Amino acid sequence: MSDAVATFAIVFVLPEDINITSGSPRHHRSFLDIYLSQFSRKYLLDLIEYQRILKQRNALLRKLKSGERAGDPGHLDVWDESLMKPALLVMAARDAFIDEIGPKVAELVIKLGAADEKVEVKYQPRMVLENFEDLKAAVSAFRTERPRDLKLGATFLGPHRDVI
């Protein structure tokens, strides 16, 4: 399936896709992920890997929250490092793309005659990092939310929660 995604680079925007601009961050992320996946097989594979590991980490968090004996809190350390590798790649790709199109969108708004409108396209990762290449710093920042993750039984930080 992932081979076909990058083969046909087509993005349809229909009237019912109003959520892309006015919907929740989940809609924004979904649209951006589909768009970037069509142009970058590497992005698609990084995103798939991130989602696979996230699903497994969340399953462990749910077990730990429910008090099941099968869950070992020590396993979270391994999942954290595994998750942050593809997470940083996804975040870096999103950030680069938004940095590239942001000024173009603002310019287009002016050309369309809405010079008095302020349009800004921003990528705001929930996990604040100096850069997307420092795995050690990312894992450390990510682990600060572990108590919340354990309480929720789900992962709070990461590209699946970013605001675009």
C-alpha atoms as a PDB file:
ATOM      1  CA  MET A   1       0.000   0.000   0.000  1.00  0.00           C
ATOM      2  CA  SER A   2       2.796   2.448   0.875  1.00  0.00           C
ATOM      3  CA  ASP A   3       4.262   1.957  -2.637  1.00  0.00           C
ATOM      4  CA  ALA A   4       1.055   3.239  -4.210  1.00  0.00           C
ATOM      5  CA  VAL A   5       0.799   6.309  -1.994  1.00  0.00           C
ATOM      6  CA  ALA A   6       3.849   8.014  -3.461  1.00  0.00           C
ATOM      7  CA  THR A   7       3.074   6.926  -7.026  1.00  0.00           C
ATOM      8  CA  PHE A   8       0.084   9.197  -7.612  1.00  0.00           C
ATOM      9  CA  ALA A   9       0.610  12.632  -6.082  1.00  0.00           C
ATOM     10  CA  ILE A  10      -2.899  14.043  -6.092  1.00  0.00           C
ATOM     11  CA  VAL A  11      -4.556  16.108  -3.389  1.00  0.00           C
ATOM     12  CA  PHE A  12      -8.292  16.723  -3.632  1.00  0.00           C
ATOM     13  CA  VAL A  13      -9.788  19.576  -1.684  1.00  0.00           C
ATOM     14  CA  LEU A  14     -13.563  19.408  -1.649  1.00  0.00           C
ATOM     15  CA  PRO A  15     -16.110  21.710   0.005  1.00  0.00           C
ATOM     16  CA  GLU A  16     -16.580  19.194   2.796  1.00  0.00           C
ATOM     17  CA  ASP A  17     -12.849  19.509   3.550  1.00  0.00           C
ATOM     18  CA  ILE A  18     -13.443  22.779   5.387  1.00  0.00           C
ATOM     19  CA  ASN A  19     -11.912  21.043   8.434  1.00  0.00           C
ATOM     20  CA  ILE A  20      -8.498  21.486   6.846  1.00  0.00           C
ATOM     21  CA  THR A  21      -8.571  25.167   7.723  1.00  0.00           C
ATOM     22  CA  SER A  22     -11.175  25.498  10.444  1.00  0.00           C
ATOM     23  CA  GLY A  23     -11.248  22.056  12.011  1.00  0.00           C
ATOM     24  CA  SER A  24      -9.316  20.601  14.869  1.00  0.00           C
ATOM     25  CA  PRO A  25      -5.544  20.058  14.847  1.00  0.00           C
ATOM     26  CA  ARG A  26      -6.272  16.373  14.113  1.00  0.00           C
ATOM     27  CA  HIS A  27      -7.693  17.374  10.715  1.00  0.00           C
ATOM     28  CA  HIS A  28      -4.692  19.594  10.013  1.00  0.00           C
ATOM     29  CA  ARG A  29      -2.247  16.827  10.905  1.00  0.00           C
ATOM     30  CA  SER A  30      -4.123  14.308   8.787  1.00  0.00           C
ATOM     31  CA  PHE A  31      -4.130  16.543   5.720  1.00  0.00           C
ATOM     32  CA  LEU A  32      -0.450  17.391   6.137  1.00  0.00           C
ATOM     33  CA  ASP A  33       0.487  13.739   6.676  1.00  0.00           C
ATOM     34  CA  ILE A  34      -1.347  12.686   3.511  1.00  0.00           C
ATOM     35  CA  TYR A  35       0.246  15.498   1.521  1.00  0.00           C
ATOM     36  CA  LEU A  36       3.799  14.877   2.748  1.00  0.00           C
ATOM     37  CA  SER A  37       3.432  11.112   2.329  1.00  0.00           C
ATOM     38  CA  GLN A  38       2.626  11.573  -1.340  1.00  0.00           C
ATOM     39  CA  PHE A  39       5.859  13.436  -1.940  1.00  0.00           C
ATOM     40  CA  SER A  40       8.165  11.584   0.423  1.00  0.00           C
ATOM     41  CA  ARG A  41       8.216   7.837   0.822  1.00  0.00           C
ATOM     42  CA  LYS A  42      10.664   8.334   3.697  1.00  0.00           C
ATOM     43  CA  TYR A  43       8.129  10.534   5.509  1.00  0.00           C
ATOM     44  CA  LEU A  44       5.437   7.910   5.018  1.00  0.00           C
ATOM     45  CA  LEU A  45       7.652   5.126   6.359  1.00  0.00           C
ATOM     46  CA  ASP A  46       8.727   7.256   9.349  1.00  0.00           C
ATOM     47  CA  LEU A  47       5.077   8.078  10.090  1.00  0.00           C
ATOM     48  CA  ILE A  48       4.035   4.416   9.829  1.00  0.00           C
ATOM     49  CA  GLU A  49       6.883   3.408  12.154  1.00  0.00           C
ATOM     50  CA  TYR A  50       5.936   6.131  14.635  1.00  0.00           C
ATOM     51  CA  GLN A  51       2.294   5.033  14.655  1.00  0.00           C
ATOM     52  CA  ARG A  52       3.256   1.364  15.062  1.00  0.00           C
ATOM     53  CA  ILE A  53       5.467   2.067  18.083  1.00  0.00           C
ATOM     54  CA  LEU A  54       2.951   4.531  19.557  1.00  0.00           C
ATOM     55  CA  LYS A  55       0.244   1.865  19.407  1.00  0.00           C
ATOM     56  CA  GLN A  56       2.464  -0.585  21.296  1.00  0.00           C
ATOM     57  CA  ARG A  57       3.518   1.996  23.883  1.00  0.00           C
ATOM     58  CA  ASN A  58      -0.104   2.989  24.465  1.00  0.00           C
ATOM     59  CA  ALA A  59      -1.080  -0.670  24.910  1.00  0.00           C
ATOM     60  CA  LEU A  60       1.557  -0.955  27.656  1.00  0.00           C
ATOM     61  CA  LEU A  61       0.346   2.284  29.269  1.00  0.00           C
ATOM     62  CA  ARG A  62      -3.232   0.964  29.319  1.00  0.00           C
ATOM     63  CA  LYS A  63      -2.035  -2.244  30.994  1.00  0.00           C
ATOM     64  CA  LEU A  64      -0.093  -0.277  33.581  1.00  0.00           C
ATOM     65  CA  LYS A  65      -3.059   2.003  34.269  1.00  0.00           C
ATOM     66  CA  SER A  66      -5.390  -0.941  34.754  1.00  0.00           C
ATOM     67  CA  GLY A  67      -2.922  -2.595  37.127  1.00  0.00           C
ATOM     68  CA  GLU A  68      -2.430  -5.694  34.992  1.00  0.00           C
ATOM     69  CA  ARG A  69       0.593  -7.694  36.044  1.00  0.00           C
ATOM     70  CA  ALA A  70       1.630  -8.263  32.432  1.00  0.00           C
ATOM     71  CA  GLY A  71       2.859  -4.679  32.151  1.00  0.00           C
ATOM     72  CA  ASP A  72       6.395  -3.812  33.240  1.00  0.00           C
ATOM     73  CA  PRO A  73       6.998  -0.051  33.722  1.00  0.00           C
ATOM     74  CA  GLY A  74      10.666  -0.619  32.898  1.00  0.00           C
ATOM     75  CA  HIS A  75       9.689  -1.418  29.314  1.00  0.00           C
ATOM     76  CA  LEU A  76       8.628   2.208  28.824  1.00  0.00           C
ATOM     77  CA  ASP A  77      12.287   3.253  28.631  1.00  0.00           C
ATOM     78  CA  VAL A  78      12.788   1.084  25.555  1.00  0.00           C
ATOM     79  CA  TRP A  79       9.549   2.279  23.941  1.00  0.00           C
ATOM     80  CA  ASP A  80      10.454   5.920  24.628  1.00  0.00           C
ATOM     81  CA  GLU A  81      13.734   5.736  22.731  1.00  0.00           C
ATOM     82  CA  SER A  82      12.212   3.692  19.929  1.00  0.00           C
ATOM     83  CA  LEU A  83       9.324   6.152  19.592  1.00  0.00           C
ATOM     84  CA  MET A  84      11.449   9.296  19.596  1.00  0.00           C
ATOM     85  CA  LYS A  85      13.562   8.276  16.601  1.00  0.00           C
ATOM     86  CA  PRO A  86      10.715   8.323  14.048  1.00  0.00           C
ATOM     87  CA  ALA A  87       8.937  11.102  15.990  1.00  0.00           C
ATOM     88  CA  LEU A  88      11.861  13.476  15.459  1.00  0.00           C
ATOM     89  CA  LEU A  89      11.984  12.648  11.749  1.00  0.00           C
ATOM     90  CA  VAL A  90       8.252  13.316  11.356  1.00  0.00           C
ATOM     91  CA  MET A  91       8.490  16.560  13.319  1.00  0.00           C
ATOM     92  CA  ALA A  92      11.516  17.776  11.350  1.00  0.00           C
ATOM     93  CA  ALA A  93       9.775  17.095   8.022  1.00  0.00           C
ATOM     94  CA  ARG A  94       6.608  18.884   9.132  1.00  0.00           C
ATOM     95  CA  ASP A  95       8.586  21.852  10.423  1.00  0.00           C
ATOM     96  CA  ALA A  96      10.606  22.184   7.203  1.00  0.00           C
ATOM     97  CA  PHE A  97       7.483  22.003   5.060  1.00  0.00           C
ATOM     98  CA  ILE A  98       5.583  24.580   7.125  1.00  0.00           C
ATOM     99  CA  ASP A  99       8.613  26.894   7.088  1.00  0.00           C
ATOM    100  CA  GLU A 100       8.657  26.596   3.307  1.00  0.00           C
ATOM    101  CA  ILE A 101       4.974  27.172   2.605  1.00  0.00           C
ATOM    102  CA  GLY A 102       4.200  29.713   5.335  1.00  0.00           C
ATOM    103  CA  PRO A 103       5.550  32.735   3.448  1.00  0.00           C
ATOM    104  CA  LYS A 104       3.979  31.471   0.204  1.00  0.00           C
ATOM    105  CA  VAL A 105       0.550  31.249   1.816  1.00  0.00           C
ATOM    106  CA  ALA A 106       0.891  34.783   3.208  1.00  0.00           C
ATOM    107  CA  GLU A 107       1.938  36.032  -0.234  1.00  0.00           C
ATOM    108  CA  LEU A 108      -1.004  34.283  -1.885  1.00  0.00           C
ATOM    109  CA  VAL A 109      -3.448  35.902   0.532  1.00  0.00           C
ATOM    110  CA  ILE A 110      -2.089  39.316  -0.436  1.00  0.00           C
ATOM    111  CA  LYS A 111      -2.383  38.483  -4.146  1.00  0.00           C
ATOM    112  CA  LEU A 112      -5.985  37.444  -3.607  1.00  0.00           C
ATOM    113  CA  GLY A 113      -6.697  40.953  -2.380  1.00  0.00           C
ATOM    114  CA  ALA A 114      -6.816  40.340   1.329  1.00  0.00           C
ATOM    115  CA  ALA A 115      -3.761  42.382   2.295  1.00  0.00           C
ATOM    116  CA  ASP A 116      -5.450  43.437   5.539  1.00  0.00           C
ATOM    117  CA  GLU A 117      -5.860  39.796   6.585  1.00  0.00           C
ATOM    118  CA  LYS A 118      -3.080  38.328   8.712  1.00  0.00           C
ATOM    119  CA  VAL A 119      -2.456  34.740   7.741  1.00  0.00           C
ATOM    120  CA  GLU A 120       0.090  32.645   9.530  1.00  0.00           C
ATOM    121  CA  VAL A 121       0.931  28.996   9.026  1.00  0.00           C
ATOM    122  CA  LYS A 122       2.767  27.557  12.009  1.00  0.00           C
ATOM    123  CA  TYR A 123       3.878  24.213  13.278  1.00  0.00           C
ATOM    124  CA  GLN A 124       3.682  23.911  17.046  1.00  0.00           C
ATOM    125  CA  PRO A 125       4.940  20.631  18.412  1.00  0.00           C
ATOM    126  CA  ARG A 126       3.642  19.914  21.894  1.00  0.00           C
ATOM    127  CA  MET A 127       7.135  18.809  22.810  1.00  0.00           C
ATOM    128  CA  VAL A 128       9.315  21.909  22.856  1.00  0.00           C
ATOM    129  CA  LEU A 129      12.798  21.140  21.525  1.00  0.00           C
ATOM    130  CA  GLU A 130      15.782  23.233  20.452  1.00  0.00           C
ATOM    131  CA  ASN A 131      16.193  21.045  17.364  1.00  0.00           C
ATOM    132  CA  PHE A 132      14.858  17.821  15.939  1.00  0.00           C
ATOM    133  CA  GLU A 133      18.223  16.054  15.840  1.00  0.00           C
ATOM    134  CA  ASP A 134      19.051  15.681  19.526  1.00  0.00           C
ATOM    135  CA  LEU A 135      17.600  12.291  20.413  1.00  0.00           C
ATOM    136  CA  LYS A 136      18.883  12.393  23.977  1.00  0.00           C
ATOM    137  CA  ALA A 137      17.229  15.770  24.707  1.00  0.00           C
ATOM    138  CA  ALA A 138      14.012  14.619  23.032  1.00  0.00           C
ATOM    139  CA  VAL A 139      13.832  11.429  25.099  1.00  0.00           C
ATOM    140  CA  SER A 140      14.498  13.436  28.255  1.00  0.00           C
ATOM    141  CA  ALA A 141      11.765  15.981  27.423  1.00  0.00           C
ATOM    142  CA  PHE A 142       9.402  13.172  26.480  1.00  0.00           C
ATOM    143  CA  ARG A 143       9.949  11.351  29.763  1.00  0.00           C
ATOM    144  CA  THR A 144       8.939  14.402  31.807  1.00  0.00           C
ATOM    145  CA  GLU A 145       5.363  13.593  30.801  1.00  0.00           C
ATOM    146  CA  ARG A 146       5.544   9.942  31.876  1.00  0.00           C
ATOM    147  CA  PRO A 147       3.493  10.478  35.079  1.00  0.00           C
ATOM    148  CA  ARG A 148       0.725  12.017  32.985  1.00  0.00           C
ATOM    149  CA  ASP A 149       0.982   9.196  30.434  1.00  0.00           C
ATOM    150  CA  LEU A 150       0.653   6.605  33.207  1.00  0.00           C
ATOM    151  CA  LYS A 151      -2.341   8.422  34.664  1.00  0.00           C
ATOM    152  CA  LEU A 152      -4.055   8.771  31.261  1.00  0.00           C
ATOM    153  CA  GLY A 153      -3.047   5.364  29.968  1.00  0.00           C
ATOM    154  CA  ALA A 154      -1.972   7.046  26.726  1.00  0.00           C
ATOM    155  CA  THR A 155       0.924   9.029  25.254  1.00  0.00           C
ATOM    156  CA  PHE A 156       0.443  12.773  25.715  1.00  0.00           C
ATOM    157  CA  LEU A 157       3.372  14.175  23.706  1.00  0.00           C
ATOM    158  CA  GLY A 158       4.438  13.516  20.145  1.00  0.00           C
ATOM    159  CA  PRO A 159       3.560  14.255  16.535  1.00  0.00           C
ATOM    160  CA  HIS A 160       0.113  12.711  17.028  1.00  0.00           C
ATOM    161  CA  ARG A 161      -0.733  15.670  19.293  1.00  0.00           C
ATOM    162  CA  ASP A 162       0.977  18.543  17.453  1.00  0.00           C
ATOM    163  CA  VAL A 163      -0.827  21.699  16.393  1.00  0.00           C
ATOM    164  CA  ILE A 164      -0.584  22.849  12.782  1.00  0.00           C
END
